[in-house]
Amino acid sequence: MRRIEAVIFDWAGTTVDHGSVAPVRGVSEVFRNRGVEVTDAEVRRDMGIYKRDHIRNLLADPAVGARWRERFGRAATDADVESLFQDFIPTQSRVLERFSALIPGVLDTAGYLRSRGIRIGSTTGYTRPMLDIVVACARRQGYCPELSYCPDDVGGGRPLPWMCWRIAMEFGLRSAANAVKVGDTPSDIEEARNAGMWAVGVTTTGNEVGLSAQDWAALSHTEREQRAAAASKRLRDAGAHYVIAGVSELRALMEETDRLLTNGARP
C-alpha cells in the first residue's frame, strides 16, 4: 500500500511564530533604517522566499522603488540589495527568539506523525544562521524535525524544489508523491508543487492572515471568517491541494492522501 512517508513543514507562520511576525519586523526595520518605509502588506507579498530575493523583489515593486528614488535620487542597484541583505541578517537574528514560540498543536501533530512512522523535515526562507536559532528555540520547546534545510544548503530557495528534494533523497522516499509539504505562503505551495509533493496551505496561523495569536483572538467571528477565506483563496490559487487553519488539522488529511495514493492519484 502506498502511503505518505514524510511531512515537510515550513517554520514561521506554520510551526512557530503565529502570524509570521518576525520576518516582517526584520525586513521593515532594515528599510526604515535607510529612510524608506515599507508596509506590512508589501513585505508579506513575497514572504517565504530566500530573504535576499525577498529584498530584491521589494525594491523592484513600483511603489517601493519610487520611495527609494525619492530618498536617494536613483534606482536601487544590486549593491543596494546586497547591502540591505547584510543589514537584515543581524537585525533578523536579534528578533527571532522573541518570535519563535511554537504554534499550538505542533507538538501533538508531530507526535501523531511519528507514531505512524512518518518522517518530519523542514524548509525555510531564512539563512542558515537564522534557521539554527529557530531550530534551537523549537528544540527547547520539544519540537525537532529530523532534517532542516535553508536555501544556503542547496543553492537556491523557493519556489525551487531543491530543499524538498534533498530531504526526499536523505529520507530515501520511494517517490516525491509520498511526501506532504505544509506552509503558509504561496511560495511554500509552489515549492511543493514543483517538487511533486502534496501541497497543504495554512491560513489562520500564517502569513496570509498575518496576525499574532492575540490579534487574531481579538477579531470578531465575521472578521476571522473573512480573513481566513481570503487567505484560503490565495493559497488555493497558488495550487494548494488542501488548506487548513493550522497544523493541528493536518492529521485529518493523512488518511485521505493515503487513500488517493493507493488509488493511483499523484499530486
C-alpha atoms as a PDB file:
ATOM      1  CA  MET A   1       0.000   0.000   0.000  1.00  0.00           C
ATOM      2  CA  ARG A   2       1.379   3.393  -0.963  1.00  0.00           C
ATOM      3  CA  ARG A   3       1.278   5.912   1.849  1.00  0.00           C
ATOM      4  CA  ILE A   4       2.658   9.220   2.991  1.00  0.00           C
ATOM      5  CA  GLU A   5       6.196   8.680   4.239  1.00  0.00           C
ATOM      6  CA  ALA A   6       7.203  12.235   5.182  1.00  0.00           C
ATOM      7  CA  VAL A   7       5.820  15.645   6.049  1.00  0.00           C
ATOM      8  CA  ILE A   8       7.949  18.726   5.383  1.00  0.00           C
ATOM      9  CA  PHE A   9       6.960  21.784   7.389  1.00  0.00           C
ATOM     10  CA  ASP A  10       7.735  25.441   6.951  1.00  0.00           C
ATOM     11  CA  TRP A  11       8.746  27.399  10.047  1.00  0.00           C
ATOM     12  CA  ALA A  12       7.459  30.975  10.614  1.00  0.00           C
ATOM     13  CA  GLY A  13       3.670  31.062  10.443  1.00  0.00           C
ATOM     14  CA  THR A  14       3.388  27.283  10.216  1.00  0.00           C
ATOM     15  CA  THR A  15       5.107  25.682  13.215  1.00  0.00           C
ATOM     16  CA  VAL A  16       6.442  28.752  15.075  1.00  0.00           C
ATOM     17  CA  ASP A  17       5.711  32.495  15.193  1.00  0.00           C
ATOM     18  CA  HIS A  18       1.917  32.757  14.858  1.00  0.00           C
ATOM     19  CA  GLY A  19       1.240  35.251  12.094  1.00  0.00           C
ATOM     20  CA  SER A  20       4.825  35.133  10.756  1.00  0.00           C
ATOM     21  CA  VAL A  21       5.692  38.346  12.552  1.00  0.00           C
ATOM     22  CA  ALA A  22       9.487  38.051  12.846  1.00  0.00           C
ATOM     23  CA  PRO A  23      10.402  38.335   9.148  1.00  0.00           C
ATOM     24  CA  VAL A  24       8.066  41.297   8.689  1.00  0.00           C
ATOM     25  CA  ARG A  25       9.730  43.112  11.569  1.00  0.00           C
ATOM     26  CA  GLY A  26      13.207  42.342  10.250  1.00  0.00           C
ATOM     27  CA  VAL A  27      12.600  43.431   6.655  1.00  0.00           C
ATOM     28  CA  SER A  28      10.683  46.559   7.674  1.00  0.00           C
ATOM     29  CA  GLU A  29      13.453  47.638  10.035  1.00  0.00           C
ATOM     30  CA  VAL A  30      16.283  47.442   7.510  1.00  0.00           C
ATOM     31  CA  PHE A  31      14.331  49.568   5.042  1.00  0.00           C
ATOM     32  CA  ARG A  32      13.318  52.029   7.756  1.00  0.00           C
ATOM     33  CA  ASN A  33      16.955  52.397   8.751  1.00  0.00           C
ATOM     34  CA  ARG A  34      17.623  53.624   5.181  1.00  0.00           C
ATOM     35  CA  GLY A  35      14.790  56.141   5.406  1.00  0.00           C
ATOM     36  CA  VAL A  36      12.402  54.118   3.239  1.00  0.00           C
ATOM     37  CA  GLU A  37       9.113  52.917   4.703  1.00  0.00           C
ATOM     38  CA  VAL A  38       7.528  49.663   3.529  1.00  0.00           C
ATOM     39  CA  THR A  39       4.113  48.468   4.591  1.00  0.00           C
ATOM     40  CA  ASP A  40       3.399  45.099   6.182  1.00  0.00           C
ATOM     41  CA  ALA A  41       1.322  44.173   3.124  1.00  0.00           C
ATOM     42  CA  GLU A  42       4.257  44.943   0.818  1.00  0.00           C
ATOM     43  CA  VAL A  43       6.610  42.830   2.925  1.00  0.00           C
ATOM     44  CA  ARG A  44       4.186  39.922   3.209  1.00  0.00           C
ATOM     45  CA  ARG A  45       3.510  39.683  -0.529  1.00  0.00           C
ATOM     46  CA  ASP A  46       6.658  37.610  -1.260  1.00  0.00           C
ATOM     47  CA  MET A  47       7.066  36.027   2.148  1.00  0.00           C
ATOM     48  CA  GLY A  48       8.652  32.593   2.264  1.00  0.00           C
ATOM     49  CA  ILE A  49      11.293  33.101  -0.417  1.00  0.00           C
ATOM     50  CA  TYR A  50      15.017  33.488   0.258  1.00  0.00           C
ATOM     51  CA  LYS A  51      15.487  36.803   2.026  1.00  0.00           C
ATOM     52  CA  ARG A  52      17.955  38.255  -0.490  1.00  0.00           C
ATOM     53  CA  ASP A  53      15.396  37.582  -3.237  1.00  0.00           C
ATOM     54  CA  HIS A  54      12.669  38.977  -0.997  1.00  0.00           C
ATOM     55  CA  ILE A  55      14.542  42.277  -0.646  1.00  0.00           C
ATOM     56  CA  ARG A  56      15.224  42.387  -4.385  1.00  0.00           C
ATOM     57  CA  ASN A  57      11.540  41.899  -5.164  1.00  0.00           C
ATOM     58  CA  LEU A  58      10.572  44.661  -2.761  1.00  0.00           C
ATOM     59  CA  LEU A  59      12.930  47.105  -4.444  1.00  0.00           C
ATOM     60  CA  ALA A  60      11.501  46.123  -7.829  1.00  0.00           C
ATOM     61  CA  ASP A  61       7.985  46.976  -6.663  1.00  0.00           C
ATOM     62  CA  PRO A  62       6.941  50.266  -8.368  1.00  0.00           C
ATOM     63  CA  ALA A  63       5.733  51.904  -5.141  1.00  0.00           C
ATOM     64  CA  VAL A  64       8.742  50.883  -3.065  1.00  0.00           C
ATOM     65  CA  GLY A  65      11.088  51.718  -5.916  1.00  0.00           C
ATOM     66  CA  ALA A  66       9.581  55.212  -6.153  1.00  0.00           C
ATOM     67  CA  ARG A  67      10.182  55.788  -2.431  1.00  0.00           C
ATOM     68  CA  TRP A  68      13.764  54.602  -2.838  1.00  0.00           C
ATOM     69  CA  ARG A  69      14.345  57.002  -5.750  1.00  0.00           C
ATOM     70  CA  GLU A  70      12.796  59.843  -3.773  1.00  0.00           C
ATOM     71  CA  ARG A  71      15.136  59.117  -0.865  1.00  0.00           C
ATOM     72  CA  PHE A  72      18.346  58.507  -2.840  1.00  0.00           C
ATOM     73  CA  GLY A  73      17.761  60.177  -6.194  1.00  0.00           C
ATOM     74  CA  ARG A  74      18.352  56.954  -8.145  1.00  0.00           C
ATOM     75  CA  ALA A  75      17.023  53.456  -8.647  1.00  0.00           C
ATOM     76  CA  ALA A  76      18.179  50.683  -6.345  1.00  0.00           C
ATOM     77  CA  THR A  77      21.090  48.552  -7.571  1.00  0.00           C
ATOM     78  CA  ASP A  78      22.303  45.017  -6.929  1.00  0.00           C
ATOM     79  CA  ALA A  79      24.778  46.547  -4.482  1.00  0.00           C
ATOM     80  CA  ASP A  80      21.841  48.021  -2.551  1.00  0.00           C
ATOM     81  CA  VAL A  81      20.161  44.620  -2.443  1.00  0.00           C
ATOM     82  CA  GLU A  82      23.310  43.046  -1.016  1.00  0.00           C
ATOM     83  CA  SER A  83      23.826  45.870   1.475  1.00  0.00           C
ATOM     84  CA  LEU A  84      20.251  45.602   2.758  1.00  0.00           C
ATOM     85  CA  PHE A  85      20.560  41.824   2.967  1.00  0.00           C
ATOM     86  CA  GLN A  86      23.740  42.073   5.024  1.00  0.00           C
ATOM     87  CA  ASP A  87      21.976  44.513   7.369  1.00  0.00           C
ATOM     88  CA  PHE A  88      18.988  42.171   7.544  1.00  0.00           C
ATOM     89  CA  ILE A  89      20.966  39.208   8.861  1.00  0.00           C
ATOM     90  CA  PRO A  90      21.856  40.646  12.306  1.00  0.00           C
ATOM     91  CA  THR A  91      18.571  42.566  12.501  1.00  0.00           C
ATOM     92  CA  GLN A  92      16.504  39.430  11.965  1.00  0.00           C
ATOM     93  CA  SER A  93      18.676  37.350  14.263  1.00  0.00           C
ATOM     94  CA  ARG A  94      18.011  39.774  17.123  1.00  0.00           C
ATOM     95  CA  VAL A  95      14.249  39.291  16.961  1.00  0.00           C
ATOM     96  CA  LEU A  96      13.987  35.594  16.146  1.00  0.00           C
ATOM     97  CA  GLU A  97      13.984  34.225  19.676  1.00  0.00           C
ATOM     98  CA  ARG A  98      11.253  36.693  20.621  1.00  0.00           C
ATOM     99  CA  PHE A  99       9.023  35.311  17.861  1.00  0.00           C
ATOM    100  CA  SER A 100       9.863  31.585  17.976  1.00  0.00           C
ATOM    101  CA  ALA A 101       7.112  30.258  20.234  1.00  0.00           C
ATOM    102  CA  LEU A 102       5.611  27.008  18.953  1.00  0.00           C
ATOM    103  CA  ILE A 103       2.147  27.309  17.486  1.00  0.00           C
ATOM    104  CA  PRO A 104      -0.435  25.302  19.471  1.00  0.00           C
ATOM    105  CA  GLY A 105      -0.962  21.831  18.072  1.00  0.00           C
ATOM    106  CA  VAL A 106       2.533  21.398  16.628  1.00  0.00           C
ATOM    107  CA  LEU A 107       3.792  19.009  19.300  1.00  0.00           C
ATOM    108  CA  ASP A 108       0.659  16.845  19.176  1.00  0.00           C
ATOM    109  CA  THR A 109       0.772  16.714  15.386  1.00  0.00           C
ATOM    110  CA  ALA A 110       4.462  15.812  15.357  1.00  0.00           C
ATOM    111  CA  GLY A 111       3.804  13.068  17.893  1.00  0.00           C
ATOM    112  CA  TYR A 112       0.965  11.700  15.794  1.00  0.00           C
ATOM    113  CA  LEU A 113       3.092  11.637  12.640  1.00  0.00           C
ATOM    114  CA  ARG A 114       5.944   9.858  14.382  1.00  0.00           C
ATOM    115  CA  SER A 115       3.513   7.293  15.833  1.00  0.00           C
ATOM    116  CA  ARG A 116       2.633   6.411  12.224  1.00  0.00           C
ATOM    117  CA  GLY A 117       6.277   6.149  11.200  1.00  0.00           C
ATOM    118  CA  ILE A 118       6.117   9.351   9.157  1.00  0.00           C
ATOM    119  CA  ARG A 119       9.389  11.289   8.942  1.00  0.00           C
ATOM    120  CA  ILE A 120       9.465  15.040   9.648  1.00  0.00           C
ATOM    121  CA  GLY A 121      11.569  17.575   7.756  1.00  0.00           C
ATOM    122  CA  SER A 122      11.521  21.336   7.349  1.00  0.00           C
ATOM    123  CA  THR A 123      12.437  24.088   4.907  1.00  0.00           C
ATOM    124  CA  THR A 124      12.611  27.876   5.215  1.00  0.00           C
ATOM    125  CA  GLY A 125      13.475  31.147   3.527  1.00  0.00           C
ATOM    126  CA  TYR A 126      15.805  32.062   6.398  1.00  0.00           C
ATOM    127  CA  THR A 127      19.576  31.856   6.143  1.00  0.00           C
ATOM    128  CA  ARG A 128      21.444  29.033   7.888  1.00  0.00           C
ATOM    129  CA  PRO A 129      22.456  31.113  10.966  1.00  0.00           C
ATOM    130  CA  MET A 130      18.839  32.276  11.342  1.00  0.00           C
ATOM    131  CA  LEU A 131      17.497  28.757  10.919  1.00  0.00           C
ATOM    132  CA  ASP A 132      19.908  27.484  13.569  1.00  0.00           C
ATOM    133  CA  ILE A 133      18.426  29.972  16.041  1.00  0.00           C
ATOM    134  CA  VAL A 134      14.860  28.910  15.242  1.00  0.00           C
ATOM    135  CA  VAL A 135      15.716  25.193  15.400  1.00  0.00           C
ATOM    136  CA  ALA A 136      17.394  25.632  18.790  1.00  0.00           C
ATOM    137  CA  CYS A 137      14.380  27.525  20.159  1.00  0.00           C
ATOM    138  CA  ALA A 138      11.987  24.869  18.862  1.00  0.00           C
ATOM    139  CA  ARG A 139      14.101  22.054  20.285  1.00  0.00           C
ATOM    140  CA  ARG A 140      13.905  23.630  23.738  1.00  0.00           C
ATOM    141  CA  GLN A 141      10.121  23.537  23.364  1.00  0.00           C
ATOM    142  CA  GLY A 142      10.137  19.863  22.341  1.00  0.00           C
ATOM    143  CA  TYR A 143       9.894  20.129  18.545  1.00  0.00           C
ATOM    144  CA  CYS A 144      12.792  18.900  16.436  1.00  0.00           C
ATOM    145  CA  PRO A 145      12.425  17.889  12.774  1.00  0.00           C
ATOM    146  CA  GLU A 146      14.911  15.268  11.620  1.00  0.00           C
ATOM    147  CA  LEU A 147      16.152  17.483   8.786  1.00  0.00           C
ATOM    148  CA  SER A 148      16.010  21.271   8.430  1.00  0.00           C
ATOM    149  CA  TYR A 149      17.259  22.962   5.273  1.00  0.00           C
ATOM    150  CA  CYS A 150      17.530  26.520   4.010  1.00  0.00           C
ATOM    151  CA  PRO A 151      18.447  27.980   0.588  1.00  0.00           C
ATOM    152  CA  ASP A 152      22.101  28.287   1.672  1.00  0.00           C
ATOM    153  CA  ASP A 153      22.274  24.481   1.927  1.00  0.00           C
ATOM    154  CA  VAL A 154      21.122  23.668  -1.606  1.00  0.00           C
ATOM    155  CA  GLY A 155      21.983  26.692  -3.742  1.00  0.00           C
ATOM    156  CA  GLY A 156      18.508  28.146  -4.144  1.00  0.00           C
ATOM    157  CA  GLY A 157      15.266  28.840  -2.320  1.00  0.00           C
ATOM    158  CA  ARG A 158      11.548  28.723  -3.014  1.00  0.00           C
ATOM    159  CA  PRO A 159       9.838  28.270  -5.358  1.00  0.00           C
ATOM    160  CA  LEU A 160      12.683  25.974  -6.447  1.00  0.00           C
ATOM    161  CA  PRO A 161      12.102  22.420  -5.159  1.00  0.00           C
ATOM    162  CA  TRP A 162      15.694  21.705  -4.168  1.00  0.00           C
ATOM    163  CA  MET A 163      15.263  21.802  -0.360  1.00  0.00           C
ATOM    164  CA  CYS A 164      12.335  19.391  -0.582  1.00  0.00           C
ATOM    165  CA  TRP A 165      14.207  17.119  -2.991  1.00  0.00           C
ATOM    166  CA  ARG A 166      17.231  16.965  -0.707  1.00  0.00           C
ATOM    167  CA  ILE A 167      15.006  15.906   2.177  1.00  0.00           C
ATOM    168  CA  ALA A 168      13.282  13.318  -0.029  1.00  0.00           C
ATOM    169  CA  MET A 169      16.643  11.858  -1.037  1.00  0.00           C
ATOM    170  CA  GLU A 170      18.038  11.782   2.501  1.00  0.00           C
ATOM    171  CA  PHE A 171      14.855  10.172   3.811  1.00  0.00           C
ATOM    172  CA  GLY A 172      15.011   7.658   0.962  1.00  0.00           C
ATOM    173  CA  LEU A 173      11.411   8.230  -0.085  1.00  0.00           C
ATOM    174  CA  ARG A 174      10.043   5.929  -2.770  1.00  0.00           C
ATOM    175  CA  SER A 175       8.618   8.957  -4.569  1.00  0.00           C
ATOM    176  CA  ALA A 176       8.216  12.694  -4.025  1.00  0.00           C
ATOM    177  CA  ALA A 177       4.477  11.935  -4.214  1.00  0.00           C
ATOM    178  CA  ASN A 178       4.815  10.158  -0.871  1.00  0.00           C
ATOM    179  CA  ALA A 179       5.517  13.466   0.884  1.00  0.00           C
ATOM    180  CA  VAL A 180       3.347  16.337   2.081  1.00  0.00           C
ATOM    181  CA  LYS A 181       4.705  19.891   2.222  1.00  0.00           C
ATOM    182  CA  VAL A 182       2.955  22.236   4.669  1.00  0.00           C
ATOM    183  CA  GLY A 183       3.399  26.009   4.588  1.00  0.00           C
ATOM    184  CA  ASP A 184       1.636  29.336   4.924  1.00  0.00           C
ATOM    185  CA  THR A 185       2.696  31.225   1.773  1.00  0.00           C
ATOM    186  CA  PRO A 186       2.159  30.871  -1.975  1.00  0.00           C
ATOM    187  CA  SER A 187       5.903  30.252  -2.300  1.00  0.00           C
ATOM    188  CA  ASP A 188       5.540  27.221   0.010  1.00  0.00           C
ATOM    189  CA  ILE A 189       2.793  25.898  -2.219  1.00  0.00           C
ATOM    190  CA  GLU A 190       4.838  26.482  -5.368  1.00  0.00           C
ATOM    191  CA  GLU A 191       7.807  24.742  -3.741  1.00  0.00           C
ATOM    192  CA  ALA A 192       5.648  21.701  -3.010  1.00  0.00           C
ATOM    193  CA  ARG A 193       4.103  21.573  -6.468  1.00  0.00           C
ATOM    194  CA  ASN A 194       7.482  21.972  -8.168  1.00  0.00           C
ATOM    195  CA  ALA A 195       8.821  19.142  -6.012  1.00  0.00           C
ATOM    196  CA  GLY A 196       5.934  16.839  -6.978  1.00  0.00           C
ATOM    197  CA  MET A 197       4.591  16.721  -3.415  1.00  0.00           C
ATOM    198  CA  TRP A 198       1.167  17.251  -1.883  1.00  0.00           C
ATOM    199  CA  ALA A 199       0.780  20.957  -1.016  1.00  0.00           C
ATOM    200  CA  VAL A 200      -1.046  21.936   2.173  1.00  0.00           C
ATOM    201  CA  GLY A 201      -1.624  25.622   2.911  1.00  0.00           C
ATOM    202  CA  VAL A 202      -2.057  27.083   6.390  1.00  0.00           C
ATOM    203  CA  THR A 203      -4.321  30.098   6.912  1.00  0.00           C
ATOM    204  CA  THR A 204      -5.105  31.215  10.464  1.00  0.00           C
ATOM    205  CA  THR A 205      -1.603  30.974  11.920  1.00  0.00           C
ATOM    206  CA  GLY A 206       0.229  32.106   8.818  1.00  0.00           C
ATOM    207  CA  ASN A 207       1.442  34.980   6.703  1.00  0.00           C
ATOM    208  CA  GLU A 208      -1.667  35.294   4.543  1.00  0.00           C
ATOM    209  CA  VAL A 209      -3.725  36.279   7.601  1.00  0.00           C
ATOM    210  CA  GLY A 210      -0.678  37.847   9.207  1.00  0.00           C
ATOM    211  CA  LEU A 211      -1.834  38.288  12.798  1.00  0.00           C
ATOM    212  CA  SER A 212      -0.358  37.250  16.128  1.00  0.00           C
ATOM    213  CA  ALA A 213      -2.441  34.877  18.231  1.00  0.00           C
ATOM    214  CA  GLN A 214      -3.567  37.799  20.397  1.00  0.00           C
ATOM    215  CA  ASP A 215      -4.598  39.951  17.430  1.00  0.00           C
ATOM    216  CA  TRP A 216      -6.410  37.027  15.824  1.00  0.00           C
ATOM    217  CA  ALA A 217      -8.324  36.339  19.058  1.00  0.00           C
ATOM    218  CA  ALA A 218      -9.386  39.987  19.213  1.00  0.00           C
ATOM    219  CA  LEU A 219     -11.211  39.806  15.860  1.00  0.00           C
ATOM    220  CA  SER A 220     -14.935  39.260  15.583  1.00  0.00           C
ATOM    221  CA  HIS A 221     -16.191  35.947  14.218  1.00  0.00           C
ATOM    222  CA  THR A 222     -17.102  37.632  10.931  1.00  0.00           C
ATOM    223  CA  GLU A 223     -13.672  39.226  10.584  1.00  0.00           C
ATOM    224  CA  ARG A 224     -11.988  35.886  11.206  1.00  0.00           C
ATOM    225  CA  GLU A 225     -14.097  34.179   8.568  1.00  0.00           C
ATOM    226  CA  GLN A 226     -13.360  36.898   6.021  1.00  0.00           C
ATOM    227  CA  ARG A 227      -9.610  36.882   6.621  1.00  0.00           C
ATOM    228  CA  ALA A 228      -9.398  33.084   6.613  1.00  0.00           C
ATOM    229  CA  ALA A 229     -11.409  32.886   3.383  1.00  0.00           C
ATOM    230  CA  ALA A 230      -9.159  35.436   1.653  1.00  0.00           C
ATOM    231  CA  ALA A 231      -6.048  33.552   2.804  1.00  0.00           C
ATOM    232  CA  SER A 232      -7.512  30.242   1.646  1.00  0.00           C
ATOM    233  CA  LYS A 233      -8.219  31.672  -1.801  1.00  0.00           C
ATOM    234  CA  ARG A 234      -4.657  32.956  -2.218  1.00  0.00           C
ATOM    235  CA  LEU A 235      -3.212  29.589  -1.236  1.00  0.00           C
ATOM    236  CA  ARG A 236      -5.598  27.622  -3.453  1.00  0.00           C
ATOM    237  CA  ASP A 237      -4.879  29.982  -6.337  1.00  0.00           C
ATOM    238  CA  ALA A 238      -1.196  29.158  -5.801  1.00  0.00           C
ATOM    239  CA  GLY A 239      -2.006  25.472  -6.221  1.00  0.00           C
ATOM    240  CA  ALA A 240      -2.651  24.093  -2.725  1.00  0.00           C
ATOM    241  CA  HIS A 241      -4.246  20.642  -2.744  1.00  0.00           C
ATOM    242  CA  TYR A 242      -5.613  21.271   0.745  1.00  0.00           C
ATOM    243  CA  VAL A 243      -5.993  24.287   3.012  1.00  0.00           C
ATOM    244  CA  ILE A 244      -6.192  24.057   6.807  1.00  0.00           C
ATOM    245  CA  ALA A 245      -6.382  26.635   9.589  1.00  0.00           C
ATOM    246  CA  GLY A 246      -3.283  25.292  11.348  1.00  0.00           C
ATOM    247  CA  VAL A 247      -1.096  22.203  11.620  1.00  0.00           C
ATOM    248  CA  SER A 248      -3.359  20.752  14.308  1.00  0.00           C
ATOM    249  CA  GLU A 249      -5.785  19.923  11.463  1.00  0.00           C
ATOM    250  CA  LEU A 250      -3.183  18.028   9.446  1.00  0.00           C
ATOM    251  CA  ARG A 251      -3.872  14.559  10.809  1.00  0.00           C
ATOM    252  CA  ALA A 252      -7.350  14.578   9.268  1.00  0.00           C
ATOM    253  CA  LEU A 253      -5.733  14.778   5.815  1.00  0.00           C
ATOM    254  CA  MET A 254      -3.318  11.883   6.175  1.00  0.00           C
ATOM    255  CA  GLU A 255      -5.813   9.085   5.584  1.00  0.00           C
ATOM    256  CA  GLU A 256      -7.243  10.994   2.620  1.00  0.00           C
ATOM    257  CA  THR A 257      -3.857  11.362   0.935  1.00  0.00           C
ATOM    258  CA  ASP A 258      -3.059   7.708   1.680  1.00  0.00           C
ATOM    259  CA  ARG A 259      -6.316   6.724   0.000  1.00  0.00           C
ATOM    260  CA  LEU A 260      -5.549   8.874  -3.034  1.00  0.00           C
ATOM    261  CA  LEU A 261      -2.069   7.374  -3.362  1.00  0.00           C
ATOM    262  CA  THR A 262      -3.458   3.851  -3.069  1.00  0.00           C
ATOM    263  CA  ASN A 263      -5.913   4.619  -5.871  1.00  0.00           C
ATOM    264  CA  GLY A 264      -3.094   5.823  -8.115  1.00  0.00           C
ATOM    265  CA  ALA A 265      -3.520   9.587  -7.689  1.00  0.00           C
ATOM    266  CA  ARG A 266      -0.491  11.863  -7.747  1.00  0.00           C
ATOM    267  CA  PRO A 267      -0.012  15.486  -6.636  1.00  0.00           C
END
